[in-house]
Amino acid sequence: MEAILSGIGFAMPPMMALLFILDDEVVKLSPYARAIRDVEDEELMNFFLGMSPWQFMLIVIAGSVGEEVFYRVAVQGGLAHVFLSDTCQSKDTYGVVSLTGIFPFFAPFAQAFAAVLTAALTGSMYYVNSSRQDPTYVVAPIPHSRHAREDMKKCFAAWYERRQMKKIYSPLLESLLALYLGFEWIQTNNILAPIITHAIYSAVVLGHGLWRIHDHRQKMRKRIRRVQRKEDTESKVEH
């Protein structure tokens, strides 16, 4: 019961923070928030859109359990065990592992250091998997006027900058979330707590994103209907 309450409590800060970042008004003002929401919208459009509520919840729960067991238990727990292992300290050690043997005061921070390394690994893997290779060339019409060519150059520059920001800030956000969940596991000492936090966070944020996309589509359909009705009315008046 304590792990469940801790998981719910720990889910509130990152959930509220990301809902604020993904808000329409914030996205209009901040290009960084725009880049993060672009990545989220791509993920929702390519994978989650069209799922039934039961399918959505099943994917969220399975993803939360799988990611936390892998990153928290396997990776972070394994690193912390290596850093604190007596067998590693007694043998000839090299690199970062040797710090726990050479500097005794480093040992109490081994779990925190493992959480930091796991967060860095999470962000790196997310960057490699989500970032696409830049296109070699882009096919576009050649405008005749100089002013139009300058406008096209500006559009390409803005597109490329937005693309690069998507590569940077979305993996950075994933790293921060992984670090947060890593310290939550250290604090609660129960893997169920970060699993619940991850599940609530993902369900609320992704569900809000799906609702937002659906709402925008509904508004677009209403606008199209208004334009069509206006055109029909004008055509009837002319006849």
C-alpha atoms as a PDB file:
ATOM      1  CA  MET A   1       0.000   0.000   0.000  1.00  0.00           C
ATOM      2  CA  GLU A   2       2.839   2.379   0.820  1.00  0.00           C
ATOM      3  CA  ALA A   3       4.452   1.704  -2.564  1.00  0.00           C
ATOM      4  CA  ILE A   4       1.171   2.449  -4.351  1.00  0.00           C
ATOM      5  CA  LEU A   5       0.710   5.750  -2.524  1.00  0.00           C
ATOM      6  CA  SER A   6       4.346   6.670  -3.158  1.00  0.00           C
ATOM      7  CA  GLY A   7       3.964   5.886  -6.850  1.00  0.00           C
ATOM      8  CA  ILE A   8       0.870   8.075  -7.109  1.00  0.00           C
ATOM      9  CA  GLY A   9       2.545  10.906  -5.219  1.00  0.00           C
ATOM     10  CA  PHE A  10       5.748  10.779  -7.252  1.00  0.00           C
ATOM     11  CA  ALA A  11       3.719  10.824 -10.486  1.00  0.00           C
ATOM     12  CA  MET A  12       2.265  14.279  -9.821  1.00  0.00           C
ATOM     13  CA  PRO A  13       5.323  16.569 -10.329  1.00  0.00           C
ATOM     14  CA  PRO A  14       6.512  15.232 -13.733  1.00  0.00           C
ATOM     15  CA  MET A  15       2.952  14.822 -14.955  1.00  0.00           C
ATOM     16  CA  MET A  16       1.976  18.413 -14.139  1.00  0.00           C
ATOM     17  CA  ALA A  17       5.277  19.741 -15.492  1.00  0.00           C
ATOM     18  CA  LEU A  18       4.894  18.048 -18.868  1.00  0.00           C
ATOM     19  CA  LEU A  19       1.222  18.966 -19.188  1.00  0.00           C
ATOM     20  CA  PHE A  20       2.302  22.572 -18.659  1.00  0.00           C
ATOM     21  CA  ILE A  21       5.095  22.274 -21.249  1.00  0.00           C
ATOM     22  CA  LEU A  22       2.736  20.739 -23.827  1.00  0.00           C
ATOM     23  CA  ASP A  23       0.024  23.364 -23.347  1.00  0.00           C
ATOM     24  CA  ASP A  24      -0.955  25.240 -26.508  1.00  0.00           C
ATOM     25  CA  GLU A  25      -0.061  28.659 -25.111  1.00  0.00           C
ATOM     26  CA  VAL A  26       3.362  27.485 -23.901  1.00  0.00           C
ATOM     27  CA  VAL A  27       4.075  25.809 -27.243  1.00  0.00           C
ATOM     28  CA  LYS A  28       3.302  29.063 -29.056  1.00  0.00           C
ATOM     29  CA  LEU A  29       5.859  30.942 -26.953  1.00  0.00           C
ATOM     30  CA  SER A  30       8.625  28.349 -26.554  1.00  0.00           C
ATOM     31  CA  PRO A  31      10.333  26.573 -29.490  1.00  0.00           C
ATOM     32  CA  TYR A  32      11.722  24.023 -27.025  1.00  0.00           C
ATOM     33  CA  ALA A  33       8.217  23.043 -25.933  1.00  0.00           C
ATOM     34  CA  ARG A  34       7.224  22.944 -29.596  1.00  0.00           C
ATOM     35  CA  ALA A  35      10.020  20.480 -30.328  1.00  0.00           C
ATOM     36  CA  ILE A  36       8.998  18.215 -27.438  1.00  0.00           C
ATOM     37  CA  ARG A  37       5.356  18.234 -28.510  1.00  0.00           C
ATOM     38  CA  ASP A  38       6.280  17.511 -32.132  1.00  0.00           C
ATOM     39  CA  VAL A  39       8.002  14.310 -31.025  1.00  0.00           C
ATOM     40  CA  GLU A  40       5.052  13.346 -28.836  1.00  0.00           C
ATOM     41  CA  ASP A  41       2.570  14.006 -31.659  1.00  0.00           C
ATOM     42  CA  GLU A  42       4.609  11.858 -34.057  1.00  0.00           C
ATOM     43  CA  GLU A  43       4.602   9.007 -31.550  1.00  0.00           C
ATOM     44  CA  LEU A  44       0.869   9.339 -30.963  1.00  0.00           C
ATOM     45  CA  MET A  45       0.026   9.565 -34.671  1.00  0.00           C
ATOM     46  CA  ASN A  46       2.239   6.633 -35.662  1.00  0.00           C
ATOM     47  CA  PHE A  47       1.419   4.224 -32.849  1.00  0.00           C
ATOM     48  CA  PHE A  48      -1.363   5.122 -30.412  1.00  0.00           C
ATOM     49  CA  LEU A  49      -3.948   6.843 -32.607  1.00  0.00           C
ATOM     50  CA  GLY A  50      -6.898   4.570 -33.359  1.00  0.00           C
ATOM     51  CA  MET A  51      -6.382   2.255 -30.391  1.00  0.00           C
ATOM     52  CA  SER A  52      -9.273   1.286 -28.177  1.00  0.00           C
ATOM     53  CA  PRO A  53      -9.088   2.350 -24.504  1.00  0.00           C
ATOM     54  CA  TRP A  54      -8.309  -1.229 -23.447  1.00  0.00           C
ATOM     55  CA  GLN A  55      -5.489  -1.524 -25.993  1.00  0.00           C
ATOM     56  CA  PHE A  56      -4.103   1.834 -24.913  1.00  0.00           C
ATOM     57  CA  MET A  57      -4.065   0.904 -21.219  1.00  0.00           C
ATOM     58  CA  LEU A  58      -2.553  -2.521 -21.974  1.00  0.00           C
ATOM     59  CA  ILE A  59       0.299  -0.933 -23.950  1.00  0.00           C
ATOM     60  CA  VAL A  60       0.903   1.693 -21.248  1.00  0.00           C
ATOM     61  CA  ILE A  61       1.004  -0.877 -18.433  1.00  0.00           C
ATOM     62  CA  ALA A  62       3.191  -3.295 -20.388  1.00  0.00           C
ATOM     63  CA  GLY A  63       5.570  -0.494 -21.373  1.00  0.00           C
ATOM     64  CA  SER A  64       5.795   0.805 -17.818  1.00  0.00           C
ATOM     65  CA  VAL A  65       6.528  -2.623 -16.348  1.00  0.00           C
ATOM     66  CA  GLY A  66       9.000  -3.560 -19.074  1.00  0.00           C
ATOM     67  CA  GLU A  67      10.945  -0.296 -19.016  1.00  0.00           C
ATOM     68  CA  GLU A  68      11.188  -0.109 -15.238  1.00  0.00           C
ATOM     69  CA  VAL A  69      12.245  -3.740 -14.874  1.00  0.00           C
ATOM     70  CA  PHE A  70      14.914  -3.262 -17.541  1.00  0.00           C
ATOM     71  CA  TYR A  71      16.253   0.201 -16.703  1.00  0.00           C
ATOM     72  CA  ARG A  72      15.732   0.222 -12.955  1.00  0.00           C
ATOM     73  CA  VAL A  73      16.254  -3.399 -11.894  1.00  0.00           C
ATOM     74  CA  ALA A  74      18.600  -4.696 -14.583  1.00  0.00           C
ATOM     75  CA  VAL A  75      20.668  -1.623 -15.495  1.00  0.00           C
ATOM     76  CA  GLN A  76      20.561   0.656 -12.444  1.00  0.00           C
ATOM     77  CA  GLY A  77      20.446  -2.208  -9.957  1.00  0.00           C
ATOM     78  CA  GLY A  78      23.256  -3.981 -11.759  1.00  0.00           C
ATOM     79  CA  LEU A  79      25.456  -0.885 -11.796  1.00  0.00           C
ATOM     80  CA  ALA A  80      24.813  -0.205  -8.111  1.00  0.00           C
ATOM     81  CA  HIS A  81      25.654  -3.818  -7.285  1.00  0.00           C
ATOM     82  CA  VAL A  82      28.898  -3.582  -9.228  1.00  0.00           C
ATOM     83  CA  PHE A  83      29.896  -0.342  -7.514  1.00  0.00           C
ATOM     84  CA  LEU A  84      29.147  -1.732  -4.043  1.00  0.00           C
ATOM     85  CA  SER A  85      30.339  -5.295  -4.572  1.00  0.00           C
ATOM     86  CA  ASP A  86      32.969  -6.481  -2.116  1.00  0.00           C
ATOM     87  CA  THR A  87      34.349  -8.884  -4.698  1.00  0.00           C
ATOM     88  CA  CYS A  88      34.977  -6.046  -7.113  1.00  0.00           C
ATOM     89  CA  GLN A  89      36.754  -4.033  -4.442  1.00  0.00           C
ATOM     90  CA  SER A  90      38.958  -6.922  -3.400  1.00  0.00           C
ATOM     91  CA  LYS A  91      40.157  -7.662  -6.923  1.00  0.00           C
ATOM     92  CA  ASP A  92      42.098  -5.487  -9.321  1.00  0.00           C
ATOM     93  CA  THR A  93      39.528  -3.026 -10.592  1.00  0.00           C
ATOM     94  CA  TYR A  94      39.696  -0.447 -13.293  1.00  0.00           C
ATOM     95  CA  GLY A  95      37.768   2.638 -14.332  1.00  0.00           C
ATOM     96  CA  VAL A  96      34.777   3.939 -12.423  1.00  0.00           C
ATOM     97  CA  VAL A  97      34.373   0.725 -10.393  1.00  0.00           C
ATOM     98  CA  SER A  98      37.749   1.275  -8.748  1.00  0.00           C
ATOM     99  CA  LEU A  99      36.546   4.563  -7.216  1.00  0.00           C
ATOM    100  CA  THR A 100      34.515   2.719  -4.576  1.00  0.00           C
ATOM    101  CA  GLY A 101      37.656   0.925  -3.450  1.00  0.00           C
ATOM    102  CA  ILE A 102      40.072   3.854  -3.621  1.00  0.00           C
ATOM    103  CA  PHE A 103      37.729   6.456  -2.136  1.00  0.00           C
ATOM    104  CA  PRO A 104      35.573   4.967   0.628  1.00  0.00           C
ATOM    105  CA  PHE A 105      33.436   8.120   0.790  1.00  0.00           C
ATOM    106  CA  PHE A 106      32.309   7.430  -2.792  1.00  0.00           C
ATOM    107  CA  ALA A 107      30.549   4.191  -1.857  1.00  0.00           C
ATOM    108  CA  PRO A 108      27.431   5.813  -0.264  1.00  0.00           C
ATOM    109  CA  PHE A 109      26.813   7.638  -3.551  1.00  0.00           C
ATOM    110  CA  ALA A 110      27.066   4.501  -5.685  1.00  0.00           C
ATOM    111  CA  GLN A 111      23.291   4.129  -6.045  1.00  0.00           C
ATOM    112  CA  ALA A 112      22.882   7.777  -7.039  1.00  0.00           C
ATOM    113  CA  PHE A 113      25.743   7.459  -9.499  1.00  0.00           C
ATOM    114  CA  ALA A 114      24.103   4.348 -10.956  1.00  0.00           C
ATOM    115  CA  ALA A 115      20.862   6.318 -11.372  1.00  0.00           C
ATOM    116  CA  VAL A 116      22.719   9.078 -13.234  1.00  0.00           C
ATOM    117  CA  LEU A 117      24.433   6.593 -15.555  1.00  0.00           C
ATOM    118  CA  THR A 118      21.119   4.835 -16.217  1.00  0.00           C
ATOM    119  CA  ALA A 119      19.467   8.154 -17.072  1.00  0.00           C
ATOM    120  CA  ALA A 120      22.301   8.994 -19.475  1.00  0.00           C
ATOM    121  CA  LEU A 121      21.968   5.569 -21.092  1.00  0.00           C
ATOM    122  CA  THR A 122      18.199   6.016 -21.414  1.00  0.00           C
ATOM    123  CA  GLY A 123      18.557   9.382 -23.137  1.00  0.00           C
ATOM    124  CA  SER A 124      21.266   8.052 -25.447  1.00  0.00           C
ATOM    125  CA  MET A 125      19.185   5.049 -26.495  1.00  0.00           C
ATOM    126  CA  TYR A 126      16.150   7.260 -27.032  1.00  0.00           C
ATOM    127  CA  TYR A 127      18.245   9.632 -29.143  1.00  0.00           C
ATOM    128  CA  VAL A 128      19.583   6.806 -31.324  1.00  0.00           C
ATOM    129  CA  ASN A 129      16.163   5.196 -31.792  1.00  0.00           C
ATOM    130  CA  SER A 130      14.100   8.349 -32.334  1.00  0.00           C
ATOM    131  CA  SER A 131      16.413  10.613 -34.339  1.00  0.00           C
ATOM    132  CA  ARG A 132      16.210  10.130 -38.054  1.00  0.00           C
ATOM    133  CA  GLN A 133      19.064  10.753 -40.443  1.00  0.00           C
ATOM    134  CA  ASP A 134      18.984  14.134 -42.141  1.00  0.00           C
ATOM    135  CA  PRO A 135      17.875  13.927 -45.783  1.00  0.00           C
ATOM    136  CA  THR A 136      20.584  14.214 -48.425  1.00  0.00           C
ATOM    137  CA  TYR A 137      18.480  16.553 -50.533  1.00  0.00           C
ATOM    138  CA  VAL A 138      15.030  18.126 -50.561  1.00  0.00           C
ATOM    139  CA  VAL A 139      12.858  18.487 -53.659  1.00  0.00           C
ATOM    140  CA  ALA A 140      11.204  21.901 -53.849  1.00  0.00           C
ATOM    141  CA  PRO A 141      10.031  24.283 -56.585  1.00  0.00           C
ATOM    142  CA  ILE A 142      12.459  27.021 -57.605  1.00  0.00           C
ATOM    143  CA  PRO A 143      10.852  30.447 -57.247  1.00  0.00           C
ATOM    144  CA  HIS A 144      11.770  33.045 -59.832  1.00  0.00           C
ATOM    145  CA  SER A 145      11.819  36.120 -57.630  1.00  0.00           C
ATOM    146  CA  ARG A 146      14.666  36.823 -55.252  1.00  0.00           C
ATOM    147  CA  HIS A 147      12.287  37.619 -52.407  1.00  0.00           C
ATOM    148  CA  ALA A 148      10.581  34.229 -52.789  1.00  0.00           C
ATOM    149  CA  ARG A 149      13.953  32.442 -52.768  1.00  0.00           C
ATOM    150  CA  GLU A 150      14.929  34.223 -49.558  1.00  0.00           C
ATOM    151  CA  ASP A 151      11.633  33.205 -47.973  1.00  0.00           C
ATOM    152  CA  MET A 152      12.237  29.593 -48.985  1.00  0.00           C
ATOM    153  CA  LYS A 153      15.724  29.672 -47.469  1.00  0.00           C
ATOM    154  CA  LYS A 154      14.263  30.969 -44.227  1.00  0.00           C
ATOM    155  CA  CYS A 155      11.652  28.202 -44.248  1.00  0.00           C
ATOM    156  CA  PHE A 156      14.329  25.547 -44.738  1.00  0.00           C
ATOM    157  CA  ALA A 157      16.477  27.069 -41.993  1.00  0.00           C
ATOM    158  CA  ALA A 158      13.519  27.093 -39.587  1.00  0.00           C
ATOM    159  CA  TRP A 159      12.648  23.500 -40.523  1.00  0.00           C
ATOM    160  CA  TYR A 160      16.214  22.306 -39.954  1.00  0.00           C
ATOM    161  CA  GLU A 161      16.482  24.133 -36.622  1.00  0.00           C
ATOM    162  CA  ARG A 162      13.205  22.619 -35.479  1.00  0.00           C
ATOM    163  CA  ARG A 163      14.426  19.186 -36.548  1.00  0.00           C
ATOM    164  CA  GLN A 164      17.658  19.552 -34.574  1.00  0.00           C
ATOM    165  CA  MET A 165      15.796  20.731 -31.480  1.00  0.00           C
ATOM    166  CA  LYS A 166      13.574  17.652 -31.665  1.00  0.00           C
ATOM    167  CA  LYS A 167      16.707  15.501 -31.613  1.00  0.00           C
ATOM    168  CA  ILE A 168      18.067  17.235 -28.512  1.00  0.00           C
ATOM    169  CA  TYR A 169      15.267  18.203 -26.158  1.00  0.00           C
ATOM    170  CA  SER A 170      13.061  15.117 -26.360  1.00  0.00           C
ATOM    171  CA  PRO A 171      15.902  12.697 -25.355  1.00  0.00           C
ATOM    172  CA  LEU A 172      16.935  15.208 -22.691  1.00  0.00           C
ATOM    173  CA  LEU A 173      13.425  15.098 -21.244  1.00  0.00           C
ATOM    174  CA  GLU A 174      13.526  11.297 -21.249  1.00  0.00           C
ATOM    175  CA  SER A 175      16.855  11.396 -19.395  1.00  0.00           C
ATOM    176  CA  LEU A 176      15.444  13.703 -16.722  1.00  0.00           C
ATOM    177  CA  LEU A 177      12.407  11.459 -16.278  1.00  0.00           C
ATOM    178  CA  ALA A 178      14.651   8.392 -16.010  1.00  0.00           C
ATOM    179  CA  LEU A 179      16.768  10.164 -13.396  1.00  0.00           C
ATOM    180  CA  TYR A 180      13.625  11.088 -11.453  1.00  0.00           C
ATOM    181  CA  LEU A 181      12.374   7.485 -11.514  1.00  0.00           C
ATOM    182  CA  GLY A 182      15.819   6.230 -10.524  1.00  0.00           C
ATOM    183  CA  PHE A 183      15.912   8.386  -7.415  1.00  0.00           C
ATOM    184  CA  GLU A 184      12.326   7.397  -6.648  1.00  0.00           C
ATOM    185  CA  TRP A 185      13.392   3.747  -6.615  1.00  0.00           C
ATOM    186  CA  ILE A 186      16.276   4.589  -4.290  1.00  0.00           C
ATOM    187  CA  GLN A 187      13.937   6.533  -2.008  1.00  0.00           C
ATOM    188  CA  THR A 188      11.120   3.958  -1.854  1.00  0.00           C
ATOM    189  CA  ASN A 189      13.249   0.806  -2.215  1.00  0.00           C
ATOM    190  CA  ASN A 190      10.328  -0.830  -4.029  1.00  0.00           C
ATOM    191  CA  ILE A 191      10.198  -1.294  -7.808  1.00  0.00           C
ATOM    192  CA  LEU A 192       6.391  -1.148  -7.711  1.00  0.00           C
ATOM    193  CA  ALA A 193       6.513   2.588  -6.921  1.00  0.00           C
ATOM    194  CA  PRO A 194       8.335   3.710 -10.119  1.00  0.00           C
ATOM    195  CA  ILE A 195       6.205   1.291 -12.165  1.00  0.00           C
ATOM    196  CA  ILE A 196       3.029   2.966 -10.873  1.00  0.00           C
ATOM    197  CA  THR A 197       4.545   6.418 -11.397  1.00  0.00           C
ATOM    198  CA  HIS A 198       5.528   5.560 -14.963  1.00  0.00           C
ATOM    199  CA  ALA A 199       2.100   4.079 -15.737  1.00  0.00           C
ATOM    200  CA  ILE A 200       0.157   7.067 -14.365  1.00  0.00           C
ATOM    201  CA  TYR A 201       2.478   9.569 -16.017  1.00  0.00           C
ATOM    202  CA  SER A 202       2.299   7.838 -19.413  1.00  0.00           C
ATOM    203  CA  ALA A 203      -1.459   7.260 -19.279  1.00  0.00           C
ATOM    204  CA  VAL A 204      -2.272  10.871 -18.389  1.00  0.00           C
ATOM    205  CA  VAL A 205       0.224  12.568 -20.720  1.00  0.00           C
ATOM    206  CA  LEU A 206      -0.409  10.313 -23.724  1.00  0.00           C
ATOM    207  CA  GLY A 207      -4.149  10.302 -23.092  1.00  0.00           C
ATOM    208  CA  HIS A 208      -4.149  14.087 -22.958  1.00  0.00           C
ATOM    209  CA  GLY A 209      -2.203  14.161 -26.226  1.00  0.00           C
ATOM    210  CA  LEU A 210      -4.713  11.872 -27.939  1.00  0.00           C
ATOM    211  CA  TRP A 211      -7.589  13.988 -26.661  1.00  0.00           C
ATOM    212  CA  ARG A 212      -5.860  17.137 -27.932  1.00  0.00           C
ATOM    213  CA  ILE A 213      -5.341  15.656 -31.402  1.00  0.00           C
ATOM    214  CA  HIS A 214      -8.979  14.525 -31.499  1.00  0.00           C
ATOM    215  CA  ASP A 215     -10.158  17.961 -30.352  1.00  0.00           C
ATOM    216  CA  HIS A 216      -8.068  19.726 -33.003  1.00  0.00           C
ATOM    217  CA  ARG A 217      -9.474  17.438 -35.686  1.00  0.00           C
ATOM    218  CA  GLN A 218     -13.015  18.129 -34.540  1.00  0.00           C
ATOM    219  CA  LYS A 219     -12.401  21.876 -34.686  1.00  0.00           C
ATOM    220  CA  MET A 220     -10.879  21.520 -38.162  1.00  0.00           C
ATOM    221  CA  ARG A 221     -13.921  19.579 -39.382  1.00  0.00           C
ATOM    222  CA  LYS A 222     -16.235  22.266 -38.003  1.00  0.00           C
ATOM    223  CA  ARG A 223     -14.256  24.975 -39.799  1.00  0.00           C
ATOM    224  CA  ILE A 224     -14.413  23.041 -43.065  1.00  0.00           C
ATOM    225  CA  ARG A 225     -18.182  22.632 -42.690  1.00  0.00           C
ATOM    226  CA  ARG A 226     -18.586  26.361 -42.032  1.00  0.00           C
ATOM    227  CA  VAL A 227     -16.594  27.206 -45.149  1.00  0.00           C
ATOM    228  CA  GLN A 228     -18.604  24.740 -47.222  1.00  0.00           C
ATOM    229  CA  ARG A 229     -21.900  26.130 -45.922  1.00  0.00           C
ATOM    230  CA  LYS A 230     -20.723  29.664 -46.616  1.00  0.00           C
ATOM    231  CA  GLU A 231     -19.752  28.733 -50.171  1.00  0.00           C
ATOM    232  CA  ASP A 232     -23.083  26.965 -50.719  1.00  0.00           C
ATOM    233  CA  THR A 233     -24.965  29.994 -49.412  1.00  0.00           C
ATOM    234  CA  GLU A 234     -23.019  32.384 -51.650  1.00  0.00           C
ATOM    235  CA  SER A 235     -23.563  30.176 -54.703  1.00  0.00           C
ATOM    236  CA  LYS A 236     -27.328  30.053 -54.009  1.00  0.00           C
ATOM    237  CA  VAL A 237     -27.479  33.844 -53.670  1.00  0.00           C
ATOM    238  CA  GLU A 238     -25.676  34.295 -56.991  1.00  0.00           C
ATOM    239  CA  HIS A 239     -28.106  31.978 -58.757  1.00  0.00           C
END
